[in-house]
């Protein structure tokens, strides 16, 4: 018999394999606060200040995209705007530009 024969179901129950779950708004707020120091010092995130490049978008997707620590947080109405308001004023436009230019879907 092969070492792995694939998924099986027992007892008549069917199980589906699900991908990562989007965070709730409350989870986003808690996790966002705890991750802020590491996100704000990430050199790939910092590259967004220069341009919305592949490097910048890769970092944005790594945080907000499927499987990222903040997956789905950009889907909560007003969450991103509230989070951006916590950033220094001079960097807010850069953040919005990166979010729009990198097209992270909900």
N, C-alpha and C. Protein backbone atom coordinates (compact mmCIF):
# COMPACT_ATOMS: atom_id res chain seq x y z
N UNK A 1 0.85 -1.18 0.00
CA UNK A 1 0.00 0.00 0.00
C UNK A 1 0.89 1.24 0.00
N UNK A 2 0.43 2.29 -0.67
CA UNK A 2 1.24 3.51 -0.73
C UNK A 2 1.34 4.19 0.63
N UNK A 3 2.39 4.98 0.82
CA UNK A 3 2.60 5.66 2.09
C UNK A 3 1.48 6.66 2.37
N UNK A 4 0.93 7.26 1.34
CA UNK A 4 -0.19 8.19 1.52
C UNK A 4 -1.22 7.89 0.47
N UNK A 5 -2.39 7.53 0.91
CA UNK A 5 -3.43 7.19 -0.06
C UNK A 5 -4.48 8.27 -0.20
N UNK A 6 -4.24 9.44 0.40
CA UNK A 6 -5.17 10.55 0.25
C UNK A 6 -6.14 10.62 1.40
N UNK A 7 -6.99 11.65 1.40
CA UNK A 7 -7.94 11.82 2.50
C UNK A 7 -9.03 10.76 2.47
N UNK A 8 -9.48 10.39 3.63
CA UNK A 8 -10.58 9.43 3.73
C UNK A 8 -11.62 9.98 4.68
N UNK A 9 -12.83 9.51 4.54
CA UNK A 9 -13.88 9.88 5.49
C UNK A 9 -14.36 8.61 6.14
N UNK A 10 -14.75 8.74 7.38
CA UNK A 10 -15.25 7.58 8.12
C UNK A 10 -16.59 7.93 8.73
N UNK A 11 -17.39 6.93 8.97
CA UNK A 11 -18.66 7.14 9.65
C UNK A 11 -19.66 7.93 8.86
N UNK A 12 -19.48 8.05 7.58
CA UNK A 12 -20.45 8.73 6.74
C UNK A 12 -20.39 10.25 6.80
N UNK A 13 -19.50 10.80 7.63
CA UNK A 13 -19.41 12.26 7.68
C UNK A 13 -18.48 12.75 6.59
N UNK A 14 -18.81 13.86 6.03
CA UNK A 14 -17.92 14.40 5.01
C UNK A 14 -17.25 15.64 5.57
N UNK A 15 -15.99 15.77 5.32
CA UNK A 15 -15.23 16.92 5.79
C UNK A 15 -14.70 17.66 4.58
N UNK A 16 -14.72 18.98 4.66
CA UNK A 16 -14.15 19.75 3.57
C UNK A 16 -12.89 20.44 4.07
N UNK A 17 -11.97 20.59 3.19
CA UNK A 17 -10.73 21.28 3.52
C UNK A 17 -10.95 22.75 3.23
N UNK A 18 -10.80 23.57 4.25
CA UNK A 18 -11.03 24.99 4.08
C UNK A 18 -9.71 25.73 4.16
N UNK A 19 -9.67 26.83 3.45
CA UNK A 19 -8.48 27.67 3.48
C UNK A 19 -8.48 28.52 4.74
N UNK A 20 -7.55 29.45 4.82
CA UNK A 20 -7.46 30.31 5.99
C UNK A 20 -8.75 31.10 6.20
N UNK A 21 -9.10 31.35 7.45
CA UNK A 21 -10.30 32.08 7.81
C UNK A 21 -9.95 33.57 7.94
N UNK A 22 -10.86 34.41 7.41
CA UNK A 22 -10.68 35.85 7.58
C UNK A 22 -10.88 36.20 9.05
N UNK A 23 -10.10 37.16 9.51
CA UNK A 23 -10.21 37.59 10.89
C UNK A 23 -11.45 38.46 11.09
N UNK A 24 -12.00 38.43 12.30
CA UNK A 24 -13.08 39.34 12.64
C UNK A 24 -12.49 40.73 12.85
N UNK A 25 -13.35 41.72 12.90
CA UNK A 25 -12.86 43.08 13.11
C UNK A 25 -12.11 43.18 14.44
N UNK A 26 -12.63 42.53 15.48
CA UNK A 26 -11.98 42.57 16.79
C UNK A 26 -10.60 41.90 16.74
N UNK A 27 -10.52 40.78 16.04
CA UNK A 27 -9.22 40.10 15.88
C UNK A 27 -8.24 40.99 15.12
N UNK A 28 -8.75 41.69 14.12
CA UNK A 28 -7.90 42.59 13.34
C UNK A 28 -7.33 43.70 14.22
N UNK A 29 -8.18 44.26 15.07
CA UNK A 29 -7.72 45.34 15.94
C UNK A 29 -6.65 44.85 16.90
N UNK A 30 -6.88 43.71 17.51
CA UNK A 30 -5.92 43.15 18.47
C UNK A 30 -4.62 42.76 17.78
N UNK A 31 -4.74 42.01 16.70
CA UNK A 31 -3.53 41.56 15.98
C UNK A 31 -2.79 42.72 15.35
N UNK A 32 -3.55 43.66 14.80
CA UNK A 32 -2.93 44.82 14.17
C UNK A 32 -2.05 45.59 15.13
N UNK A 33 -2.55 45.80 16.34
CA UNK A 33 -1.75 46.50 17.36
C UNK A 33 -0.48 45.73 17.69
N UNK A 34 -0.61 44.41 17.83
CA UNK A 34 0.56 43.62 18.22
C UNK A 34 1.58 43.51 17.09
N UNK A 35 1.12 43.58 15.85
CA UNK A 35 2.03 43.44 14.70
C UNK A 35 2.62 44.76 14.22
N UNK A 36 2.09 45.86 14.68
CA UNK A 36 2.52 47.16 14.19
C UNK A 36 4.03 47.37 14.21
N UNK A 37 4.72 47.04 15.32
CA UNK A 37 6.18 47.26 15.31
C UNK A 37 6.90 46.47 14.21
N UNK A 38 6.51 45.21 14.00
CA UNK A 38 7.20 44.43 12.98
C UNK A 38 6.82 44.87 11.57
N UNK A 39 5.57 45.27 11.38
CA UNK A 39 5.14 45.74 10.05
C UNK A 39 5.84 47.05 9.71
N UNK A 40 5.88 47.96 10.66
CA UNK A 40 6.45 49.28 10.38
C UNK A 40 7.96 49.24 10.21
N UNK A 41 8.61 48.15 10.62
CA UNK A 41 10.06 48.06 10.41
C UNK A 41 10.42 47.08 9.28
N UNK A 42 9.41 46.55 8.60
CA UNK A 42 9.65 45.61 7.49
C UNK A 42 10.20 46.38 6.29
N UNK A 43 11.42 46.04 5.82
CA UNK A 43 12.02 46.79 4.72
C UNK A 43 11.20 46.73 3.43
N UNK A 44 10.48 45.64 3.21
CA UNK A 44 9.65 45.56 2.00
C UNK A 44 8.44 46.49 2.12
N UNK A 45 7.88 46.60 3.31
CA UNK A 45 6.78 47.56 3.53
C UNK A 45 7.33 48.98 3.37
N UNK A 46 8.52 49.22 3.91
CA UNK A 46 9.12 50.56 3.81
C UNK A 46 9.37 50.94 2.36
N UNK A 47 9.59 49.95 1.49
CA UNK A 47 9.84 50.25 0.07
C UNK A 47 8.62 50.88 -0.59
N UNK A 48 7.44 50.72 0.02
CA UNK A 48 6.22 51.33 -0.53
C UNK A 48 6.33 52.85 -0.56
N UNK A 49 7.16 53.43 0.29
CA UNK A 49 7.34 54.87 0.31
C UNK A 49 7.97 55.36 -0.99
N UNK A 50 8.79 54.51 -1.60
CA UNK A 50 9.43 54.89 -2.86
C UNK A 50 8.53 54.68 -4.06
N UNK A 51 7.85 53.54 -4.10
CA UNK A 51 6.95 53.24 -5.20
C UNK A 51 6.13 52.00 -4.87
N UNK A 52 5.02 51.88 -5.57
CA UNK A 52 4.19 50.68 -5.42
C UNK A 52 4.79 49.65 -6.38
N UNK A 53 5.81 48.96 -5.89
CA UNK A 53 6.57 48.01 -6.69
C UNK A 53 6.15 46.58 -6.35
N UNK A 54 6.74 45.62 -7.04
CA UNK A 54 6.48 44.22 -6.74
C UNK A 54 6.88 43.90 -5.30
N UNK A 55 7.99 44.47 -4.87
CA UNK A 55 8.48 44.26 -3.51
C UNK A 55 7.47 44.79 -2.49
N UNK A 56 6.98 45.99 -2.73
CA UNK A 56 5.99 46.63 -1.86
C UNK A 56 4.71 45.79 -1.83
N UNK A 57 4.18 45.44 -2.99
CA UNK A 57 2.93 44.69 -3.06
C UNK A 57 3.06 43.30 -2.47
N UNK A 58 4.22 42.70 -2.63
CA UNK A 58 4.44 41.40 -2.02
C UNK A 58 4.32 41.49 -0.50
N UNK A 59 4.86 42.55 0.07
CA UNK A 59 4.79 42.75 1.51
C UNK A 59 3.36 43.03 1.96
N UNK A 60 2.64 43.84 1.21
CA UNK A 60 1.25 44.16 1.55
C UNK A 60 0.41 42.88 1.51
N UNK A 61 0.59 42.10 0.46
CA UNK A 61 -0.17 40.84 0.34
C UNK A 61 0.24 39.83 1.41
N UNK A 62 1.50 39.84 1.79
CA UNK A 62 1.98 38.93 2.83
C UNK A 62 1.28 39.22 4.16
N UNK A 63 0.94 40.47 4.39
CA UNK A 63 0.26 40.86 5.63
C UNK A 63 -1.26 40.70 5.54
N UNK A 64 -1.85 41.20 4.44
CA UNK A 64 -3.30 41.26 4.32
C UNK A 64 -3.91 40.16 3.46
N UNK A 65 -3.10 39.50 2.65
CA UNK A 65 -3.61 38.50 1.73
C UNK A 65 -3.93 37.17 2.40
N UNK A 66 -4.46 36.26 1.60
CA UNK A 66 -4.86 34.96 2.09
C UNK A 66 -3.69 34.26 2.78
N UNK A 67 -3.91 33.86 4.02
CA UNK A 67 -2.87 33.20 4.81
C UNK A 67 -2.01 34.15 5.61
N UNK A 68 -2.14 35.46 5.36
CA UNK A 68 -1.35 36.44 6.10
C UNK A 68 -1.91 36.67 7.50
N UNK A 69 -1.11 37.25 8.38
CA UNK A 69 -1.53 37.45 9.76
C UNK A 69 -2.72 38.40 9.90
N UNK A 70 -2.96 39.24 8.91
CA UNK A 70 -4.07 40.19 8.95
C UNK A 70 -5.06 39.92 7.80
N UNK A 71 -5.15 38.65 7.41
CA UNK A 71 -6.01 38.26 6.30
C UNK A 71 -7.46 38.69 6.53
N UNK A 72 -7.98 39.45 5.59
CA UNK A 72 -9.37 39.88 5.63
C UNK A 72 -9.61 41.19 6.36
N UNK A 73 -8.59 41.73 7.00
CA UNK A 73 -8.80 42.95 7.78
C UNK A 73 -9.17 44.13 6.88
N UNK A 74 -8.72 44.13 5.65
CA UNK A 74 -9.07 45.20 4.74
C UNK A 74 -10.52 45.10 4.26
N UNK A 75 -11.21 44.02 4.61
CA UNK A 75 -12.59 43.81 4.19
C UNK A 75 -13.59 44.42 5.17
N UNK A 76 -13.15 44.80 6.35
CA UNK A 76 -14.04 45.39 7.34
C UNK A 76 -14.14 46.88 7.09
N UNK A 77 -15.35 47.31 6.77
CA UNK A 77 -15.57 48.72 6.45
C UNK A 77 -15.01 49.65 7.51
N UNK A 78 -14.18 50.56 7.11
CA UNK A 78 -13.63 51.55 8.01
C UNK A 78 -12.40 51.11 8.77
N UNK A 79 -12.11 49.82 8.81
CA UNK A 79 -10.96 49.36 9.60
C UNK A 79 -9.65 49.95 9.08
N UNK A 80 -9.45 49.85 7.77
CA UNK A 80 -8.19 50.35 7.19
C UNK A 80 -8.08 51.86 7.41
N UNK A 81 -9.19 52.57 7.17
CA UNK A 81 -9.15 54.02 7.36
C UNK A 81 -8.80 54.38 8.80
N UNK A 82 -9.39 53.67 9.76
CA UNK A 82 -9.07 53.93 11.17
C UNK A 82 -7.61 53.60 11.47
N UNK A 83 -7.13 52.49 10.91
CA UNK A 83 -5.74 52.10 11.14
C UNK A 83 -4.78 53.12 10.53
N UNK A 84 -5.10 53.59 9.33
CA UNK A 84 -4.22 54.56 8.65
C UNK A 84 -4.18 55.87 9.44
N UNK A 85 -5.27 56.23 10.08
CA UNK A 85 -5.30 57.46 10.87
C UNK A 85 -4.32 57.41 12.05
N UNK A 86 -3.91 56.19 12.45
CA UNK A 86 -2.94 56.03 13.53
C UNK A 86 -1.51 56.29 13.04
N UNK A 87 -1.32 56.27 11.74
CA UNK A 87 0.01 56.49 11.16
C UNK A 87 0.30 57.99 11.11
N UNK A 88 1.58 58.34 11.08
CA UNK A 88 1.93 59.76 10.93
C UNK A 88 1.31 60.32 9.65
N UNK A 89 0.87 61.56 9.71
CA UNK A 89 0.15 62.18 8.59
C UNK A 89 0.92 62.12 7.28
N UNK A 90 2.24 62.32 7.32
CA UNK A 90 3.01 62.36 6.09
C UNK A 90 3.05 61.03 5.34
N UNK A 91 2.72 59.91 6.00
CA UNK A 91 2.81 58.60 5.37
C UNK A 91 1.44 58.06 4.94
N UNK A 92 0.37 58.72 5.34
CA UNK A 92 -0.98 58.21 5.05
C UNK A 92 -1.25 58.05 3.56
N UNK A 93 -0.89 59.03 2.75
CA UNK A 93 -1.12 58.95 1.30
C UNK A 93 -0.37 57.77 0.70
N UNK A 94 0.84 57.51 1.20
CA UNK A 94 1.64 56.38 0.70
C UNK A 94 0.93 55.06 1.01
N UNK A 95 0.36 54.95 2.21
CA UNK A 95 -0.34 53.72 2.59
C UNK A 95 -1.55 53.51 1.70
N UNK A 96 -2.34 54.55 1.50
CA UNK A 96 -3.52 54.41 0.64
C UNK A 96 -3.13 54.04 -0.79
N UNK A 97 -2.06 54.65 -1.29
CA UNK A 97 -1.59 54.35 -2.64
C UNK A 97 -1.16 52.89 -2.76
N UNK A 98 -0.46 52.39 -1.76
CA UNK A 98 -0.01 51.00 -1.77
C UNK A 98 -1.20 50.05 -1.71
N UNK A 99 -2.17 50.34 -0.86
CA UNK A 99 -3.35 49.48 -0.75
C UNK A 99 -4.13 49.44 -2.05
N UNK A 100 -4.27 50.60 -2.68
CA UNK A 100 -5.01 50.66 -3.95
C UNK A 100 -4.21 50.02 -5.09
N UNK A 101 -2.92 50.30 -5.13
CA UNK A 101 -2.08 49.81 -6.21
C UNK A 101 -1.78 48.33 -6.15
N UNK A 102 -1.84 47.76 -4.95
CA UNK A 102 -1.50 46.34 -4.79
C UNK A 102 -2.72 45.42 -4.89
N UNK A 103 -3.88 45.99 -4.94
CA UNK A 103 -5.14 45.26 -5.12
C UNK A 103 -5.22 43.97 -4.32
N UNK A 104 -5.32 44.13 -3.03
CA UNK A 104 -5.54 42.99 -2.14
C UNK A 104 -7.05 42.81 -2.05
N UNK A 105 -7.52 41.66 -2.50
CA UNK A 105 -8.97 41.44 -2.54
C UNK A 105 -9.51 40.96 -1.20
N UNK A 106 -10.80 41.13 -1.04
CA UNK A 106 -11.48 40.64 0.17
C UNK A 106 -11.86 39.18 -0.01
